[in-house]
Amino acid sequence: MNDLILITRIHGFGYHGLFDHEHTNGQDFFVDVSMRLDLLAASISDDIEDTVNYGLITELVVNEITSNPVSLIEKLAGRIAEKILNTQEKALEVSITVHKPQAPVGVKVSDIAVTITRKR
């Protein structure tokens, strides 16, 4: 399948991380969603029923960022991917990139990100 939908830089403030101060103070997280699906019907019909609902996907992502803190962004990415596949039946494959630009590492970086891919 060559059709692709991208939703980038979905923002949420969350409390994920290994350290106590991350769970107390929180930080910004950004998520990119890439979905592979068949868009032939939607490109002909112009009907939302033939594609996925971007609004629902962005709300799902923000909800995952802002609730149920985890230690690793790998876990957060996996959780988002599974929820999208479980709620958007037309999505055949999803790649999720979680960006943690304020990750507490020993040197200055502009971003730390994890990308995972899950398929049906």
N, C-alpha and C. Protein backbone atom coordinates (compact mmCIF):
# COMPACT_ATOMS: atom_id res chain seq x y z
N MET A 1 0.85 -1.17 0.00
CA MET A 1 0.00 0.00 0.00
C MET A 1 0.90 1.24 0.00
N ASN A 2 0.67 2.12 -0.95
CA ASN A 2 1.51 3.31 -1.10
C ASN A 2 0.88 4.59 -0.57
N ASP A 3 -0.39 4.55 -0.17
CA ASP A 3 -1.05 5.76 0.31
C ASP A 3 -0.64 6.03 1.75
N LEU A 4 -0.50 7.32 2.06
CA LEU A 4 0.05 7.71 3.35
C LEU A 4 -0.64 8.96 3.86
N ILE A 5 -0.97 8.97 5.13
CA ILE A 5 -1.46 10.16 5.82
C ILE A 5 -0.44 10.50 6.89
N LEU A 6 -0.04 11.77 6.94
CA LEU A 6 0.90 12.25 7.96
C LEU A 6 0.22 13.31 8.81
N ILE A 7 0.37 13.21 10.10
CA ILE A 7 -0.05 14.25 11.04
C ILE A 7 1.18 14.54 11.89
N THR A 8 1.68 15.76 11.85
CA THR A 8 2.95 16.04 12.50
C THR A 8 2.82 17.07 13.63
N ARG A 9 3.72 16.90 14.59
CA ARG A 9 3.93 17.83 15.71
C ARG A 9 2.67 18.02 16.57
N ILE A 10 1.97 16.93 16.84
CA ILE A 10 0.84 16.99 17.77
C ILE A 10 1.44 17.24 19.16
N HIS A 11 1.00 18.29 19.81
CA HIS A 11 1.62 18.72 21.07
C HIS A 11 0.77 18.32 22.28
N GLY A 12 1.46 17.92 23.32
CA GLY A 12 0.83 17.69 24.61
C GLY A 12 1.85 17.87 25.72
N PHE A 13 1.38 18.22 26.89
CA PHE A 13 2.24 18.37 28.05
C PHE A 13 2.02 17.14 28.93
N GLY A 14 3.11 16.41 29.17
CA GLY A 14 2.99 15.16 29.90
C GLY A 14 4.02 14.99 30.98
N TYR A 15 3.91 13.90 31.71
CA TYR A 15 4.75 13.64 32.87
C TYR A 15 5.49 12.31 32.74
N HIS A 16 5.96 12.01 31.54
CA HIS A 16 6.67 10.77 31.26
C HIS A 16 8.16 10.93 31.51
N GLY A 17 8.79 9.87 31.99
CA GLY A 17 10.24 9.90 32.17
C GLY A 17 10.69 8.99 33.29
N LEU A 18 12.00 8.84 33.37
CA LEU A 18 12.60 7.98 34.38
C LEU A 18 12.76 8.66 35.73
N PHE A 19 12.83 9.98 35.73
CA PHE A 19 13.20 10.72 36.94
C PHE A 19 12.00 11.34 37.64
N ASP A 20 12.11 11.45 38.96
CA ASP A 20 11.03 12.03 39.75
C ASP A 20 10.66 13.43 39.28
N HIS A 21 11.66 14.26 38.95
CA HIS A 21 11.36 15.63 38.53
C HIS A 21 10.56 15.66 37.24
N GLU A 22 10.70 14.64 36.39
CA GLU A 22 9.89 14.59 35.16
C GLU A 22 8.44 14.28 35.49
N HIS A 23 8.22 13.46 36.50
CA HIS A 23 6.86 13.13 36.92
C HIS A 23 6.22 14.28 37.68
N THR A 24 7.03 15.12 38.30
CA THR A 24 6.52 16.26 39.07
C THR A 24 6.32 17.49 38.20
N ASN A 25 7.34 17.84 37.41
CA ASN A 25 7.32 19.09 36.64
C ASN A 25 6.71 18.94 35.25
N GLY A 26 6.82 17.77 34.65
CA GLY A 26 6.31 17.55 33.31
C GLY A 26 7.12 18.28 32.25
N GLN A 27 6.77 18.05 31.01
CA GLN A 27 7.45 18.69 29.89
C GLN A 27 6.64 18.52 28.61
N ASP A 28 7.07 19.21 27.57
CA ASP A 28 6.40 19.13 26.27
C ASP A 28 6.80 17.86 25.54
N PHE A 29 5.81 17.26 24.89
CA PHE A 29 6.03 16.12 24.01
C PHE A 29 5.35 16.44 22.68
N PHE A 30 5.95 15.97 21.60
CA PHE A 30 5.39 16.15 20.27
C PHE A 30 5.34 14.78 19.61
N VAL A 31 4.26 14.53 18.88
CA VAL A 31 4.09 13.23 18.25
C VAL A 31 3.78 13.41 16.76
N ASP A 32 4.45 12.60 15.94
CA ASP A 32 4.16 12.52 14.51
C ASP A 32 3.49 11.17 14.26
N VAL A 33 2.44 11.19 13.46
CA VAL A 33 1.72 9.97 13.11
C VAL A 33 1.79 9.80 11.60
N SER A 34 2.20 8.62 11.17
CA SER A 34 2.22 8.27 9.77
C SER A 34 1.40 6.99 9.61
N MET A 35 0.40 7.03 8.73
CA MET A 35 -0.47 5.87 8.54
C MET A 35 -0.50 5.45 7.08
N ARG A 36 -0.35 4.18 6.86
CA ARG A 36 -0.50 3.61 5.52
C ARG A 36 -1.90 3.01 5.42
N LEU A 37 -2.59 3.34 4.35
CA LEU A 37 -3.93 2.83 4.13
C LEU A 37 -4.28 3.00 2.67
N ASP A 38 -5.38 2.41 2.27
CA ASP A 38 -5.84 2.51 0.89
C ASP A 38 -6.76 3.73 0.79
N LEU A 39 -6.32 4.75 0.07
CA LEU A 39 -7.10 5.98 -0.06
C LEU A 39 -7.81 6.10 -1.40
N LEU A 40 -7.84 5.03 -2.17
CA LEU A 40 -8.49 5.08 -3.48
C LEU A 40 -9.96 5.49 -3.35
N ALA A 41 -10.70 4.81 -2.48
CA ALA A 41 -12.12 5.12 -2.33
C ALA A 41 -12.33 6.57 -1.89
N ALA A 42 -11.55 7.04 -0.92
CA ALA A 42 -11.71 8.42 -0.44
C ALA A 42 -11.36 9.43 -1.54
N SER A 43 -10.37 9.10 -2.38
CA SER A 43 -9.98 10.03 -3.44
C SER A 43 -11.05 10.13 -4.52
N ILE A 44 -11.94 9.17 -4.57
CA ILE A 44 -13.04 9.20 -5.54
C ILE A 44 -14.32 9.74 -4.90
N SER A 45 -14.64 9.24 -3.71
CA SER A 45 -15.94 9.55 -3.08
C SER A 45 -15.99 10.90 -2.38
N ASP A 46 -14.84 11.38 -1.88
CA ASP A 46 -14.80 12.61 -1.08
C ASP A 46 -15.62 12.45 0.21
N ASP A 47 -15.63 11.23 0.76
CA ASP A 47 -16.43 10.89 1.93
C ASP A 47 -15.52 10.48 3.08
N ILE A 48 -15.72 11.08 4.25
CA ILE A 48 -14.91 10.79 5.44
C ILE A 48 -14.97 9.31 5.82
N GLU A 49 -16.05 8.64 5.49
CA GLU A 49 -16.19 7.22 5.82
C GLU A 49 -15.16 6.35 5.09
N ASP A 50 -14.55 6.89 4.04
CA ASP A 50 -13.58 6.13 3.25
C ASP A 50 -12.13 6.39 3.66
N THR A 51 -11.95 7.09 4.77
CA THR A 51 -10.60 7.37 5.26
C THR A 51 -10.62 7.30 6.79
N VAL A 52 -9.63 7.89 7.42
CA VAL A 52 -9.59 7.94 8.89
C VAL A 52 -9.98 9.34 9.34
N ASN A 53 -10.33 9.47 10.60
CA ASN A 53 -10.76 10.75 11.15
C ASN A 53 -9.56 11.42 11.85
N TYR A 54 -9.00 12.45 11.21
CA TYR A 54 -7.82 13.12 11.76
C TYR A 54 -8.08 13.71 13.13
N GLY A 55 -9.27 14.27 13.32
CA GLY A 55 -9.60 14.87 14.61
C GLY A 55 -9.59 13.86 15.74
N LEU A 56 -10.18 12.70 15.51
CA LEU A 56 -10.17 11.67 16.54
C LEU A 56 -8.76 11.18 16.83
N ILE A 57 -7.95 11.07 15.79
CA ILE A 57 -6.57 10.61 15.98
C ILE A 57 -5.78 11.62 16.81
N THR A 58 -5.91 12.91 16.50
CA THR A 58 -5.16 13.91 17.27
C THR A 58 -5.62 13.95 18.72
N GLU A 59 -6.92 13.80 18.96
CA GLU A 59 -7.42 13.77 20.33
C GLU A 59 -6.89 12.55 21.08
N LEU A 60 -6.85 11.41 20.42
CA LEU A 60 -6.31 10.19 21.01
C LEU A 60 -4.86 10.39 21.42
N VAL A 61 -4.07 10.99 20.53
CA VAL A 61 -2.65 11.21 20.81
C VAL A 61 -2.47 12.14 22.00
N VAL A 62 -3.19 13.25 22.02
CA VAL A 62 -3.07 14.19 23.14
C VAL A 62 -3.49 13.52 24.44
N ASN A 63 -4.53 12.73 24.41
CA ASN A 63 -4.96 12.01 25.61
C ASN A 63 -3.86 11.07 26.11
N GLU A 64 -3.19 10.38 25.22
CA GLU A 64 -2.12 9.48 25.63
C GLU A 64 -0.92 10.25 26.19
N ILE A 65 -0.62 11.41 25.61
CA ILE A 65 0.49 12.23 26.12
C ILE A 65 0.18 12.74 27.52
N THR A 66 -1.05 13.16 27.73
CA THR A 66 -1.39 13.88 28.96
C THR A 66 -1.88 12.98 30.10
N SER A 67 -1.98 11.68 29.87
CA SER A 67 -2.47 10.80 30.93
C SER A 67 -1.58 9.58 31.08
N ASN A 68 -1.73 8.88 32.17
CA ASN A 68 -1.03 7.62 32.43
C ASN A 68 0.47 7.68 32.13
N PRO A 69 1.24 8.41 32.92
CA PRO A 69 2.68 8.54 32.68
C PRO A 69 3.41 7.20 32.63
N VAL A 70 4.39 7.14 31.75
CA VAL A 70 5.26 5.96 31.60
C VAL A 70 6.70 6.41 31.75
N SER A 71 7.59 5.47 31.92
CA SER A 71 9.01 5.79 32.05
C SER A 71 9.67 6.07 30.72
N LEU A 72 9.28 5.31 29.69
CA LEU A 72 9.96 5.37 28.41
C LEU A 72 9.06 5.90 27.30
N ILE A 73 9.62 6.74 26.43
CA ILE A 73 8.84 7.19 25.28
C ILE A 73 8.59 6.04 24.30
N GLU A 74 9.38 5.00 24.38
CA GLU A 74 9.12 3.80 23.57
C GLU A 74 7.76 3.22 23.93
N LYS A 75 7.46 3.17 25.22
CA LYS A 75 6.17 2.66 25.70
C LYS A 75 5.03 3.57 25.24
N LEU A 76 5.24 4.88 25.35
CA LEU A 76 4.23 5.84 24.91
C LEU A 76 3.94 5.68 23.43
N ALA A 77 4.97 5.56 22.61
CA ALA A 77 4.80 5.38 21.17
C ALA A 77 4.03 4.10 20.86
N GLY A 78 4.38 3.02 21.54
CA GLY A 78 3.69 1.76 21.32
C GLY A 78 2.23 1.82 21.71
N ARG A 79 1.95 2.50 22.81
CA ARG A 79 0.57 2.64 23.28
C ARG A 79 -0.27 3.44 22.27
N ILE A 80 0.31 4.50 21.73
CA ILE A 80 -0.40 5.31 20.73
C ILE A 80 -0.66 4.48 19.47
N ALA A 81 0.34 3.77 19.01
CA ALA A 81 0.18 2.96 17.79
C ALA A 81 -0.93 1.93 17.96
N GLU A 82 -0.93 1.24 19.07
CA GLU A 82 -1.95 0.21 19.30
C GLU A 82 -3.36 0.81 19.36
N LYS A 83 -3.49 1.96 19.99
CA LYS A 83 -4.81 2.59 20.09
C LYS A 83 -5.30 3.05 18.72
N ILE A 84 -4.40 3.57 17.90
CA ILE A 84 -4.82 3.97 16.55
C ILE A 84 -5.26 2.75 15.75
N LEU A 85 -4.48 1.68 15.78
CA LEU A 85 -4.87 0.48 15.04
C LEU A 85 -6.18 -0.11 15.56
N ASN A 86 -6.43 0.02 16.86
CA ASN A 86 -7.67 -0.51 17.44
C ASN A 86 -8.89 0.35 17.15
N THR A 87 -8.71 1.63 16.84
CA THR A 87 -9.85 2.53 16.63
C THR A 87 -10.04 2.95 15.18
N GLN A 88 -9.02 2.79 14.36
CA GLN A 88 -9.09 3.22 12.96
C GLN A 88 -8.88 2.00 12.06
N GLU A 89 -9.96 1.31 11.76
CA GLU A 89 -9.85 0.03 11.06
C GLU A 89 -9.26 0.15 9.66
N LYS A 90 -9.31 1.31 9.06
CA LYS A 90 -8.75 1.47 7.71
C LYS A 90 -7.23 1.60 7.72
N ALA A 91 -6.65 1.95 8.87
CA ALA A 91 -5.19 2.06 8.98
C ALA A 91 -4.58 0.66 8.98
N LEU A 92 -3.72 0.41 8.00
CA LEU A 92 -3.08 -0.91 7.87
C LEU A 92 -1.73 -0.95 8.59
N GLU A 93 -1.08 0.20 8.64
CA GLU A 93 0.23 0.31 9.28
C GLU A 93 0.34 1.71 9.85
N VAL A 94 0.94 1.82 11.01
CA VAL A 94 1.11 3.12 11.64
C VAL A 94 2.53 3.23 12.18
N SER A 95 3.13 4.38 11.92
CA SER A 95 4.43 4.72 12.52
C SER A 95 4.22 5.92 13.42
N ILE A 96 4.73 5.82 14.62
CA ILE A 96 4.59 6.88 15.62
C ILE A 96 5.97 7.34 16.03
N THR A 97 6.20 8.64 15.94
CA THR A 97 7.44 9.23 16.45
C THR A 97 7.08 10.12 17.63
N VAL A 98 7.67 9.82 18.78
CA VAL A 98 7.49 10.65 19.97
C VAL A 98 8.76 11.45 20.15
N HIS A 99 8.61 12.78 20.18
CA HIS A 99 9.73 13.70 20.39
C HIS A 99 9.72 14.17 21.84
N LYS A 100 10.88 14.14 22.46
CA LYS A 100 11.04 14.62 23.83
C LYS A 100 12.20 15.63 23.83
N PRO A 101 11.92 16.86 23.38
CA PRO A 101 13.01 17.84 23.19
C PRO A 101 13.69 18.29 24.48
N GLN A 102 13.03 18.12 25.61
CA GLN A 102 13.63 18.54 26.89
C GLN A 102 14.13 17.35 27.70
N ALA A 103 14.45 16.26 27.01
CA ALA A 103 14.92 15.06 27.71
C ALA A 103 16.15 15.39 28.55
N PRO A 104 16.18 14.92 29.78
CA PRO A 104 17.30 15.24 30.67
C PRO A 104 18.51 14.34 30.39
N VAL A 105 19.30 14.76 29.42
CA VAL A 105 20.55 14.06 29.11
C VAL A 105 21.72 14.98 29.43
N GLY A 106 22.92 14.43 29.50
CA GLY A 106 24.08 15.17 29.97
C GLY A 106 24.66 16.20 29.01
N VAL A 107 24.19 16.22 27.77
CA VAL A 107 24.70 17.20 26.80
C VAL A 107 23.52 17.89 26.13
N LYS A 108 23.77 19.01 25.51
CA LYS A 108 22.71 19.77 24.85
C LYS A 108 22.34 19.08 23.54
N VAL A 109 21.05 18.80 23.39
CA VAL A 109 20.52 18.25 22.15
C VAL A 109 19.27 19.04 21.78
N SER A 110 18.93 19.06 20.50
CA SER A 110 17.72 19.76 20.11
C SER A 110 16.49 18.87 20.23
N ASP A 111 16.69 17.56 20.23
CA ASP A 111 15.56 16.65 20.34
C ASP A 111 16.06 15.23 20.56
N ILE A 112 15.25 14.46 21.23
CA ILE A 112 15.42 13.01 21.30
C ILE A 112 14.07 12.43 20.89
N ALA A 113 14.09 11.49 19.96
CA ALA A 113 12.84 10.94 19.44
C ALA A 113 12.96 9.44 19.25
N VAL A 114 11.83 8.79 19.34
CA VAL A 114 11.72 7.35 19.11
C VAL A 114 10.63 7.13 18.08
N THR A 115 10.89 6.28 17.09
CA THR A 115 9.87 5.92 16.11
C THR A 115 9.64 4.42 16.17
N ILE A 116 8.36 4.05 16.25
CA ILE A 116 8.00 2.64 16.19
C ILE A 116 6.98 2.47 15.06
N THR A 117 6.94 1.28 14.50
CA THR A 117 6.00 0.94 13.44
C THR A 117 5.25 -0.33 13.81
N ARG A 118 3.94 -0.29 13.65
CA ARG A 118 3.12 -1.47 13.92
C ARG A 118 2.20 -1.69 12.71
N LYS A 119 1.94 -2.97 12.41
CA LYS A 119 1.08 -3.34 11.29
C LYS A 119 -0.05 -4.24 11.77
N ARG A 120 -1.09 -4.29 11.00
CA ARG A 120 -2.19 -5.24 11.27
C ARG A 120 -1.73 -6.63 10.94
